[in-house]
Full PDB file with SEQRES, HELIX, SHEET, SSBOND, CRYST1, ORIGX, SCALE, CONECT and MASTER records, all heavy atoms in Angstrom:
SEQRES   1 A   35  GLU PRO SER VAL HIS PRO SER ASN ASP PRO ASP VAL VAL          
SEQRES   2 A   35  VAL ILE GLU PHE ASP GLY PHE GLY HIS GLY ALA ALA THR          
SEQRES   3 A   35  GLY GLU PRO TYR ASP GLN SER TYR ILE                          
SHEET    1 AA1 3 SER A   3  PRO A   6  0                                        
SHEET    2 AA1 3 VAL A  13  HIS A  22 -1                                        
SHEET    3 AA1 3 PRO A  29  TYR A  34 -1                                        
CRYST1    1.000    1.000    1.000  90.00  90.00  90.00 P 1           1          
ORIGX1      1.000000  0.000000  0.000000        0.00000                         
ORIGX2      0.000000  1.000000  0.000000        0.00000                         
ORIGX3      0.000000  0.000000  1.000000        0.00000                         
SCALE1      1.000000  0.000000  0.000000        0.00000                         
SCALE2      0.000000  1.000000  0.000000        0.00000                         
SCALE3      0.000000  0.000000  1.000000        0.00000                         
ATOM      1  N   GLU A   1     139.751 210.759  12.146  1.00  0.00           N  
ATOM      2  CA  GLU A   1     138.610 209.874  11.798  1.00  0.00           C  
ATOM      3  C   GLU A   1     139.226 208.813  10.843  1.00  0.00           C  
ATOM      4  O   GLU A   1     139.969 209.130   9.931  1.00  0.00           O  
ATOM      5  CB  GLU A   1     137.478 210.600  11.214  1.00  0.00           C  
ATOM      6  CG  GLU A   1     136.356 209.759  10.840  1.00  0.00           C  
ATOM      7  CD  GLU A   1     135.500 209.589  12.097  1.00  0.00           C  
ATOM      8  OE1 GLU A   1     135.680 210.305  13.156  1.00  0.00           O  
ATOM      9  OE2 GLU A   1     134.649 208.700  12.013  1.00  0.00           O  
ATOM     10  N   PRO A   2     139.088 207.528  11.111  1.00  0.00           N  
ATOM     11  CA  PRO A   2     139.519 206.531  10.234  1.00  0.00           C  
ATOM     12  C   PRO A   2     138.704 206.294   8.883  1.00  0.00           C  
ATOM     13  O   PRO A   2     137.446 206.500   8.987  1.00  0.00           O  
ATOM     14  CB  PRO A   2     139.501 205.178  11.056  1.00  0.00           C  
ATOM     15  CG  PRO A   2     138.276 205.413  11.899  1.00  0.00           C  
ATOM     16  CD  PRO A   2     138.316 206.902  12.287  1.00  0.00           C  
ATOM     17  N   SER A   3     139.362 206.151   7.843  1.00  0.00           N  
ATOM     18  CA  SER A   3     138.673 205.663   6.670  1.00  0.00           C  
ATOM     19  C   SER A   3     138.880 204.118   6.569  1.00  0.00           C  
ATOM     20  O   SER A   3     140.001 203.586   6.601  1.00  0.00           O  
ATOM     21  CB  SER A   3     139.377 206.208   5.379  1.00  0.00           C  
ATOM     22  OG  SER A   3     139.093 207.561   5.314  1.00  0.00           O  
ATOM     23  N   VAL A   4     137.759 203.411   6.509  1.00  0.00           N  
ATOM     24  CA  VAL A   4     137.776 201.929   6.600  1.00  0.00           C  
ATOM     25  C   VAL A   4     137.493 201.421   5.300  1.00  0.00           C  
ATOM     26  O   VAL A   4     136.568 201.769   4.555  1.00  0.00           O  
ATOM     27  CB  VAL A   4     136.657 201.523   7.629  1.00  0.00           C  
ATOM     28  CG1 VAL A   4     136.708 199.993   7.733  1.00  0.00           C  
ATOM     29  CG2 VAL A   4     136.968 202.082   8.948  1.00  0.00           C  
ATOM     30  N   HIS A   5     138.416 200.451   4.826  1.00  0.00           N  
ATOM     31  CA  HIS A   5     138.208 199.664   3.543  1.00  0.00           C  
ATOM     32  C   HIS A   5     138.170 198.295   3.769  1.00  0.00           C  
ATOM     33  O   HIS A   5     139.251 197.532   4.067  1.00  0.00           O  
ATOM     34  CB  HIS A   5     139.506 200.080   2.718  1.00  0.00           C  
ATOM     35  CG  HIS A   5     139.852 201.464   2.600  1.00  0.00           C  
ATOM     36  ND1 HIS A   5     139.055 202.350   1.664  1.00  0.00           N  
ATOM     37  CD2 HIS A   5     140.690 202.323   3.172  1.00  0.00           C  
ATOM     38  CE1 HIS A   5     139.615 203.517   1.782  1.00  0.00           C  
ATOM     39  NE2 HIS A   5     140.570 203.550   2.679  1.00  0.00           N  
ATOM     40  N   PRO A   6     136.968 197.671   3.717  1.00  0.00           N  
ATOM     41  CA  PRO A   6     136.898 196.195   3.858  1.00  0.00           C  
ATOM     42  C   PRO A   6     137.580 195.487   2.796  1.00  0.00           C  
ATOM     43  O   PRO A   6     137.787 196.096   1.646  1.00  0.00           O  
ATOM     44  CB  PRO A   6     135.408 196.040   3.807  1.00  0.00           C  
ATOM     45  CG  PRO A   6     134.773 197.397   3.951  1.00  0.00           C  
ATOM     46  CD  PRO A   6     135.709 198.365   3.484  1.00  0.00           C  
ATOM     47  N   SER A   7     137.986 194.360   2.958  1.00  0.00           N  
ATOM     48  CA  SER A   7     138.642 193.470   1.885  1.00  0.00           C  
ATOM     49  C   SER A   7     137.724 192.331   1.601  1.00  0.00           C  
ATOM     50  O   SER A   7     136.686 192.118   2.145  1.00  0.00           O  
ATOM     51  CB  SER A   7     139.924 192.972   2.507  1.00  0.00           C  
ATOM     52  OG  SER A   7     139.719 191.923   3.428  1.00  0.00           O  
ATOM     53  N   ASN A   8     138.201 191.526   0.623  1.00  0.00           N  
ATOM     54  CA  ASN A   8     137.474 190.313   0.253  1.00  0.00           C  
ATOM     55  C   ASN A   8     137.520 189.315   1.302  1.00  0.00           C  
ATOM     56  O   ASN A   8     136.611 188.433   1.391  1.00  0.00           O  
ATOM     57  CB  ASN A   8     138.022 189.735  -1.049  1.00  0.00           C  
ATOM     58  CG  ASN A   8     137.869 190.635  -2.215  1.00  0.00           C  
ATOM     59  OD1 ASN A   8     136.917 191.367  -2.267  1.00  0.00           O  
ATOM     60  ND2 ASN A   8     138.702 190.478  -3.212  1.00  0.00           N  
ATOM     61  N   ASP A   9     138.419 189.373   2.241  1.00  0.00           N  
ATOM     62  CA  ASP A   9     138.487 188.487   3.427  1.00  0.00           C  
ATOM     63  C   ASP A   9     137.730 189.224   4.585  1.00  0.00           C  
ATOM     64  O   ASP A   9     138.059 190.216   4.973  1.00  0.00           O  
ATOM     65  CB  ASP A   9     139.921 188.209   3.827  1.00  0.00           C  
ATOM     66  CG  ASP A   9     140.101 187.296   4.904  1.00  0.00           C  
ATOM     67  OD1 ASP A   9     139.170 187.192   5.823  1.00  0.00           O  
ATOM     68  OD2 ASP A   9     141.173 186.623   5.031  1.00  0.00           O  
ATOM     69  N   PRO A  10     136.600 188.498   4.977  1.00  0.00           N  
ATOM     70  CA  PRO A  10     135.906 189.242   6.113  1.00  0.00           C  
ATOM     71  C   PRO A  10     136.628 189.515   7.352  1.00  0.00           C  
ATOM     72  O   PRO A  10     136.202 190.272   8.284  1.00  0.00           O  
ATOM     73  CB  PRO A  10     134.620 188.323   6.307  1.00  0.00           C  
ATOM     74  CG  PRO A  10     135.058 187.077   5.759  1.00  0.00           C  
ATOM     75  CD  PRO A  10     136.019 187.284   4.722  1.00  0.00           C  
ATOM     76  N   ASP A  11     137.743 188.861   7.602  1.00  0.00           N  
ATOM     77  CA  ASP A  11     138.576 188.968   8.835  1.00  0.00           C  
ATOM     78  C   ASP A  11     139.687 190.084   8.643  1.00  0.00           C  
ATOM     79  O   ASP A  11     140.440 190.308   9.564  1.00  0.00           O  
ATOM     80  CB  ASP A  11     139.235 187.637   9.219  1.00  0.00           C  
ATOM     81  CG  ASP A  11     138.166 186.570   9.668  1.00  0.00           C  
ATOM     82  OD1 ASP A  11     137.046 187.044  10.212  1.00  0.00           O  
ATOM     83  OD2 ASP A  11     138.385 185.418   9.330  1.00  0.00           O  
ATOM     84  N   VAL A  12     139.720 190.657   7.544  1.00  0.00           N  
ATOM     85  CA  VAL A  12     140.759 191.626   7.208  1.00  0.00           C  
ATOM     86  C   VAL A  12     140.148 193.065   6.862  1.00  0.00           C  
ATOM     87  O   VAL A  12     139.201 193.034   6.062  1.00  0.00           O  
ATOM     88  CB  VAL A  12     141.684 191.141   6.106  1.00  0.00           C  
ATOM     89  CG1 VAL A  12     142.699 192.293   5.765  1.00  0.00           C  
ATOM     90  CG2 VAL A  12     142.474 189.955   6.505  1.00  0.00           C  
ATOM     91  N   VAL A  13     140.729 193.995   7.477  1.00  0.00           N  
ATOM     92  CA  VAL A  13     140.205 195.413   7.098  1.00  0.00           C  
ATOM     93  C   VAL A  13     141.398 196.326   6.986  1.00  0.00           C  
ATOM     94  O   VAL A  13     142.516 196.017   7.595  1.00  0.00           O  
ATOM     95  CB  VAL A  13     139.255 195.927   8.278  1.00  0.00           C  
ATOM     96  CG1 VAL A  13     139.943 196.072   9.525  1.00  0.00           C  
ATOM     97  CG2 VAL A  13     138.593 197.237   7.702  1.00  0.00           C  
ATOM     98  N   VAL A  14     141.314 197.280   6.098  1.00  0.00           N  
ATOM     99  CA  VAL A  14     142.401 198.202   5.869  1.00  0.00           C  
ATOM    100  C   VAL A  14     141.880 199.569   6.274  1.00  0.00           C  
ATOM    101  O   VAL A  14     140.815 199.918   5.939  1.00  0.00           O  
ATOM    102  CB  VAL A  14     142.760 198.357   4.342  1.00  0.00           C  
ATOM    103  CG1 VAL A  14     143.858 199.437   4.182  1.00  0.00           C  
ATOM    104  CG2 VAL A  14     143.312 196.953   3.901  1.00  0.00           C  
ATOM    105  N   ILE A  15     142.616 200.231   7.200  1.00  0.00           N  
ATOM    106  CA  ILE A  15     142.277 201.534   7.641  1.00  0.00           C  
ATOM    107  C   ILE A  15     143.277 202.569   7.355  1.00  0.00           C  
ATOM    108  O   ILE A  15     144.494 202.291   7.317  1.00  0.00           O  
ATOM    109  CB  ILE A  15     141.895 201.592   9.147  1.00  0.00           C  
ATOM    110  CG1 ILE A  15     143.056 201.142  10.009  1.00  0.00           C  
ATOM    111  CG2 ILE A  15     140.702 200.697   9.412  1.00  0.00           C  
ATOM    112  CD1 ILE A  15     142.745 201.362  11.460  1.00  0.00           C  
ATOM    113  N   GLU A  16     142.902 203.808   7.041  1.00  0.00           N  
ATOM    114  CA  GLU A  16     143.798 204.955   6.910  1.00  0.00           C  
ATOM    115  C   GLU A  16     143.410 205.944   7.955  1.00  0.00           C  
ATOM    116  O   GLU A  16     142.144 206.169   8.151  1.00  0.00           O  
ATOM    117  CB  GLU A  16     143.529 205.557   5.458  1.00  0.00           C  
ATOM    118  CG  GLU A  16     143.832 204.812   4.316  1.00  0.00           C  
ATOM    119  CD  GLU A  16     143.639 205.480   3.034  1.00  0.00           C  
ATOM    120  OE1 GLU A  16     144.330 206.410   2.733  1.00  0.00           O  
ATOM    121  OE2 GLU A  16     142.607 205.117   2.305  1.00  0.00           O  
ATOM    122  N   PHE A  17     144.392 206.529   8.551  1.00  0.00           N  
ATOM    123  CA  PHE A  17     144.126 207.465   9.641  1.00  0.00           C  
ATOM    124  C   PHE A  17     145.358 208.297   9.740  1.00  0.00           C  
ATOM    125  O   PHE A  17     146.591 207.976   9.303  1.00  0.00           O  
ATOM    126  CB  PHE A  17     143.707 206.810  10.933  1.00  0.00           C  
ATOM    127  CG  PHE A  17     144.683 205.946  11.542  1.00  0.00           C  
ATOM    128  CD1 PHE A  17     145.597 206.312  12.525  1.00  0.00           C  
ATOM    129  CD2 PHE A  17     144.803 204.608  11.123  1.00  0.00           C  
ATOM    130  CE1 PHE A  17     146.455 205.580  13.090  1.00  0.00           C  
ATOM    131  CE2 PHE A  17     145.707 203.751  11.638  1.00  0.00           C  
ATOM    132  CZ  PHE A  17     146.556 204.253  12.621  1.00  0.00           C  
ATOM    133  N   ASP A  18     145.361 209.396  10.391  1.00  0.00           N  
ATOM    134  CA  ASP A  18     146.404 210.322  10.723  1.00  0.00           C  
ATOM    135  C   ASP A  18     146.604 210.352  12.311  1.00  0.00           C  
ATOM    136  O   ASP A  18     145.525 210.329  13.016  1.00  0.00           O  
ATOM    137  CB  ASP A  18     146.174 211.673  10.195  1.00  0.00           C  
ATOM    138  CG  ASP A  18     146.082 211.708   8.703  1.00  0.00           C  
ATOM    139  OD1 ASP A  18     146.937 211.066   8.029  1.00  0.00           O  
ATOM    140  OD2 ASP A  18     145.163 212.389   8.164  1.00  0.00           O  
ATOM    141  N   GLY A  19     147.836 210.475  12.742  1.00  0.00           N  
ATOM    142  CA  GLY A  19     148.132 210.674  14.154  1.00  0.00           C  
ATOM    143  C   GLY A  19     148.854 211.907  14.316  1.00  0.00           C  
ATOM    144  O   GLY A  19     149.728 212.323  13.419  1.00  0.00           O  
ATOM    145  N   PHE A  20     148.549 212.706  15.305  1.00  0.00           N  
ATOM    146  CA  PHE A  20     149.077 214.015  15.593  1.00  0.00           C  
ATOM    147  C   PHE A  20     149.713 214.068  16.963  1.00  0.00           C  
ATOM    148  O   PHE A  20     149.039 213.660  17.905  1.00  0.00           O  
ATOM    149  CB  PHE A  20     147.985 215.166  15.361  1.00  0.00           C  
ATOM    150  CG  PHE A  20     147.403 215.088  14.032  1.00  0.00           C  
ATOM    151  CD1 PHE A  20     146.204 214.470  13.869  1.00  0.00           C  
ATOM    152  CD2 PHE A  20     148.018 215.720  12.987  1.00  0.00           C  
ATOM    153  CE1 PHE A  20     145.628 214.383  12.648  1.00  0.00           C  
ATOM    154  CE2 PHE A  20     147.298 215.719  11.733  1.00  0.00           C  
ATOM    155  CZ  PHE A  20     146.225 215.085  11.545  1.00  0.00           C  
ATOM    156  N   GLY A  21     150.914 214.644  17.121  1.00  0.00           N  
ATOM    157  CA  GLY A  21     151.490 214.800  18.338  1.00  0.00           C  
ATOM    158  C   GLY A  21     152.853 215.570  18.176  1.00  0.00           C  
ATOM    159  O   GLY A  21     152.976 216.310  17.346  1.00  0.00           O  
ATOM    160  N   HIS A  22     153.832 215.215  19.038  1.00  0.00           N  
ATOM    161  CA  HIS A  22     155.134 215.817  18.976  1.00  0.00           C  
ATOM    162  C   HIS A  22     156.135 214.922  19.645  1.00  0.00           C  
ATOM    163  O   HIS A  22     155.735 214.091  20.377  1.00  0.00           O  
ATOM    164  CB  HIS A  22     155.107 217.193  19.594  1.00  0.00           C  
ATOM    165  CG  HIS A  22     154.756 217.202  21.050  1.00  0.00           C  
ATOM    166  ND1 HIS A  22     153.545 217.210  21.545  1.00  0.00           N  
ATOM    167  CD2 HIS A  22     155.551 217.177  22.094  1.00  0.00           C  
ATOM    168  CE1 HIS A  22     153.501 217.221  22.911  1.00  0.00           C  
ATOM    169  NE2 HIS A  22     154.744 217.194  23.294  1.00  0.00           N  
ATOM    170  N   GLY A  23     157.431 215.159  19.203  1.00  0.00           N  
ATOM    171  CA  GLY A  23     158.430 214.484  19.838  1.00  0.00           C  
ATOM    172  C   GLY A  23     158.622 214.806  21.311  1.00  0.00           C  
ATOM    173  O   GLY A  23     158.594 216.049  21.612  1.00  0.00           O  
ATOM    174  N   ALA A  24     158.764 213.823  22.101  1.00  0.00           N  
ATOM    175  CA  ALA A  24     158.821 214.102  23.631  1.00  0.00           C  
ATOM    176  C   ALA A  24     160.079 214.863  23.986  1.00  0.00           C  
ATOM    177  O   ALA A  24     159.931 215.849  24.836  1.00  0.00           O  
ATOM    178  CB  ALA A  24     158.809 212.776  24.429  1.00  0.00           C  
ATOM    179  N   ALA A  25     161.120 214.618  23.351  1.00  0.00           N  
ATOM    180  CA  ALA A  25     162.357 215.254  23.687  1.00  0.00           C  
ATOM    181  C   ALA A  25     162.617 216.579  22.937  1.00  0.00           C  
ATOM    182  O   ALA A  25     163.279 217.581  23.399  1.00  0.00           O  
ATOM    183  CB  ALA A  25     163.577 214.350  23.473  1.00  0.00           C  
ATOM    184  N   THR A  26     162.167 216.570  21.607  1.00  0.00           N  
ATOM    185  CA  THR A  26     162.382 217.753  20.807  1.00  0.00           C  
ATOM    186  C   THR A  26     161.279 218.788  20.695  1.00  0.00           C  
ATOM    187  O   THR A  26     161.486 219.991  20.376  1.00  0.00           O  
ATOM    188  CB  THR A  26     162.617 217.207  19.338  1.00  0.00           C  
ATOM    189  OG1 THR A  26     161.481 216.614  18.781  1.00  0.00           O  
ATOM    190  CG2 THR A  26     163.681 216.208  19.275  1.00  0.00           C  
ATOM    191  N   GLY A  27     159.999 218.378  20.948  1.00  0.00           N  
ATOM    192  CA  GLY A  27     158.908 219.215  20.832  1.00  0.00           C  
ATOM    193  C   GLY A  27     158.514 219.383  19.243  1.00  0.00           C  
ATOM    194  O   GLY A  27     157.506 219.959  18.935  1.00  0.00           O  
ATOM    195  N   GLU A  28     159.329 218.701  18.360  1.00  0.00           N  
ATOM    196  CA  GLU A  28     158.999 218.786  16.850  1.00  0.00           C  
ATOM    197  C   GLU A  28     157.648 218.072  16.658  1.00  0.00           C  
ATOM    198  O   GLU A  28     157.352 217.113  17.291  1.00  0.00           O  
ATOM    199  CB  GLU A  28     160.165 218.076  16.151  1.00  0.00           C  
ATOM    200  CG  GLU A  28     161.468 218.815  16.201  1.00  0.00           C  
ATOM    201  CD  GLU A  28     161.705 219.844  15.219  1.00  0.00           C  
ATOM    202  OE1 GLU A  28     160.721 220.172  14.421  1.00  0.00           O  
ATOM    203  OE2 GLU A  28     162.705 220.535  15.379  1.00  0.00           O  
ATOM    204  N   PRO A  29     156.850 218.622  15.684  1.00  0.00           N  
ATOM    205  CA  PRO A  29     155.579 217.943  15.334  1.00  0.00           C  
ATOM    206  C   PRO A  29     155.814 216.620  14.807  1.00  0.00           C  
ATOM    207  O   PRO A  29     156.679 216.235  14.132  1.00  0.00           O  
ATOM    208  CB  PRO A  29     155.086 218.973  14.306  1.00  0.00           C  
ATOM    209  CG  PRO A  29     156.165 219.709  13.795  1.00  0.00           C  
ATOM    210  CD  PRO A  29     157.215 219.740  14.771  1.00  0.00           C  
ATOM    211  N   TYR A  30     154.778 215.838  15.155  1.00  0.00           N  
ATOM    212  CA  TYR A  30     154.706 214.370  14.677  1.00  0.00           C  
ATOM    213  C   TYR A  30     153.288 214.369  14.006  1.00  0.00           C  
ATOM    214  O   TYR A  30     152.239 214.173  14.699  1.00  0.00           O  
ATOM    215  CB  TYR A  30     154.755 213.424  15.799  1.00  0.00           C  
ATOM    216  CG  TYR A  30     154.610 211.993  15.274  1.00  0.00           C  
ATOM    217  CD1 TYR A  30     155.667 211.280  14.708  1.00  0.00           C  
ATOM    218  CD2 TYR A  30     153.409 211.229  15.402  1.00  0.00           C  
ATOM    219  CE1 TYR A  30     155.578 210.020  14.241  1.00  0.00           C  
ATOM    220  CE2 TYR A  30     153.363 209.985  14.944  1.00  0.00           C  
ATOM    221  CZ  TYR A  30     154.390 209.327  14.444  1.00  0.00           C  
ATOM    222  OH  TYR A  30     154.202 208.045  13.937  1.00  0.00           O  
ATOM    223  N   ASP A  31     153.275 214.497  12.722  1.00  0.00           N  
ATOM    224  CA  ASP A  31     151.977 214.482  12.031  1.00  0.00           C  
ATOM    225  C   ASP A  31     152.062 213.408  11.020  1.00  0.00           C  
ATOM    226  O   ASP A  31     152.782 213.516   9.945  1.00  0.00           O  
ATOM    227  CB  ASP A  31     151.687 215.821  11.293  1.00  0.00           C  
ATOM    228  CG  ASP A  31     151.458 216.916  12.300  1.00  0.00           C  
ATOM    229  OD1 ASP A  31     151.216 216.679  13.404  1.00  0.00           O  
ATOM    230  OD2 ASP A  31     151.709 218.171  11.887  1.00  0.00           O  
ATOM    231  N   GLN A  32     151.630 212.134  11.360  1.00  0.00           N  
ATOM    232  CA  GLN A  32     151.871 210.944  10.578  1.00  0.00           C  
ATOM    233  C   GLN A  32     150.668 210.385   9.982  1.00  0.00           C  
ATOM    234  O   GLN A  32     149.567 210.326  10.506  1.00  0.00           O  
ATOM    235  CB  GLN A  32     152.424 209.897  11.528  1.00  0.00           C  
ATOM    236  CG  GLN A  32     152.871 208.549  10.937  1.00  0.00           C  
ATOM    237  CD  GLN A  32     153.953 208.647  10.078  1.00  0.00           C  
ATOM    238  OE1 GLN A  32     154.025 208.822   8.855  1.00  0.00           O  
ATOM    239  NE2 GLN A  32     155.272 208.495  10.781  1.00  0.00           N  
ATOM    240  N   SER A  33     150.785 210.008   8.672  1.00  0.00           N  
ATOM    241  CA  SER A  33     149.699 209.247   8.022  1.00  0.00           C  
ATOM    242  C   SER A  33     150.027 207.753   8.086  1.00  0.00           C  
ATOM    243  O   SER A  33     151.214 207.338   7.848  1.00  0.00           O  
ATOM    244  CB  SER A  33     149.572 209.694   6.508  1.00  0.00           C  
ATOM    245  OG  SER A  33     149.233 211.137   6.467  1.00  0.00           O  
ATOM    246  N   TYR A  34     148.918 206.990   8.347  1.00  0.00           N  
ATOM    247  CA  TYR A  34     149.126 205.506   8.470  1.00  0.00           C  
ATOM    248  C   TYR A  34     148.078 204.770   7.559  1.00  0.00           C  
ATOM    249  O   TYR A  34     147.062 205.291   7.302  1.00  0.00           O  
ATOM    250  CB  TYR A  34     148.799 205.048   9.868  1.00  0.00           C  
ATOM    251  CG  TYR A  34     149.548 205.625  11.013  1.00  0.00           C  
ATOM    252  CD1 TYR A  34     149.229 206.865  11.633  1.00  0.00           C  
ATOM    253  CD2 TYR A  34     150.664 204.929  11.531  1.00  0.00           C  
ATOM    254  CE1 TYR A  34     149.969 207.308  12.661  1.00  0.00           C  
ATOM    255  CE2 TYR A  34     151.407 205.458  12.543  1.00  0.00           C  
ATOM    256  CZ  TYR A  34     151.046 206.622  13.085  1.00  0.00           C  
ATOM    257  OH  TYR A  34     151.817 207.173  14.179  1.00  0.00           O  
ATOM    258  N   ILE A  35     148.583 203.641   7.079  1.00  0.00           N  
ATOM    259  CA  ILE A  35     147.783 202.716   6.460  1.00  0.00           C  
ATOM    260  C   ILE A  35     147.967 201.343   7.232  1.00  0.00           C  
ATOM    261  O   ILE A  35     149.159 200.943   7.357  1.00  0.00           O  
ATOM    262  CB  ILE A  35     148.040 202.486   4.843  1.00  0.00           C  
ATOM    263  CG1 ILE A  35     147.685 203.785   4.215  1.00  0.00           C  
ATOM    264  CG2 ILE A  35     147.199 201.299   4.366  1.00  0.00           C  
ATOM    265  CD1 ILE A  35     148.024 203.770   2.802  1.00  0.00           C  
TER     266      ILE A  35                                                      
MASTER        0    0    0    0    3    0    0    6  265    1    0    3          
END                                                                             
């Protein structure tokens, strides 16, 4: 679920979210946090 942070500029928004998956070749986990 994204966390949405509006900015002083109405055309700009900051979102925080996490993506989950795995490496296609390795099977290693891909648990990434994004801003």
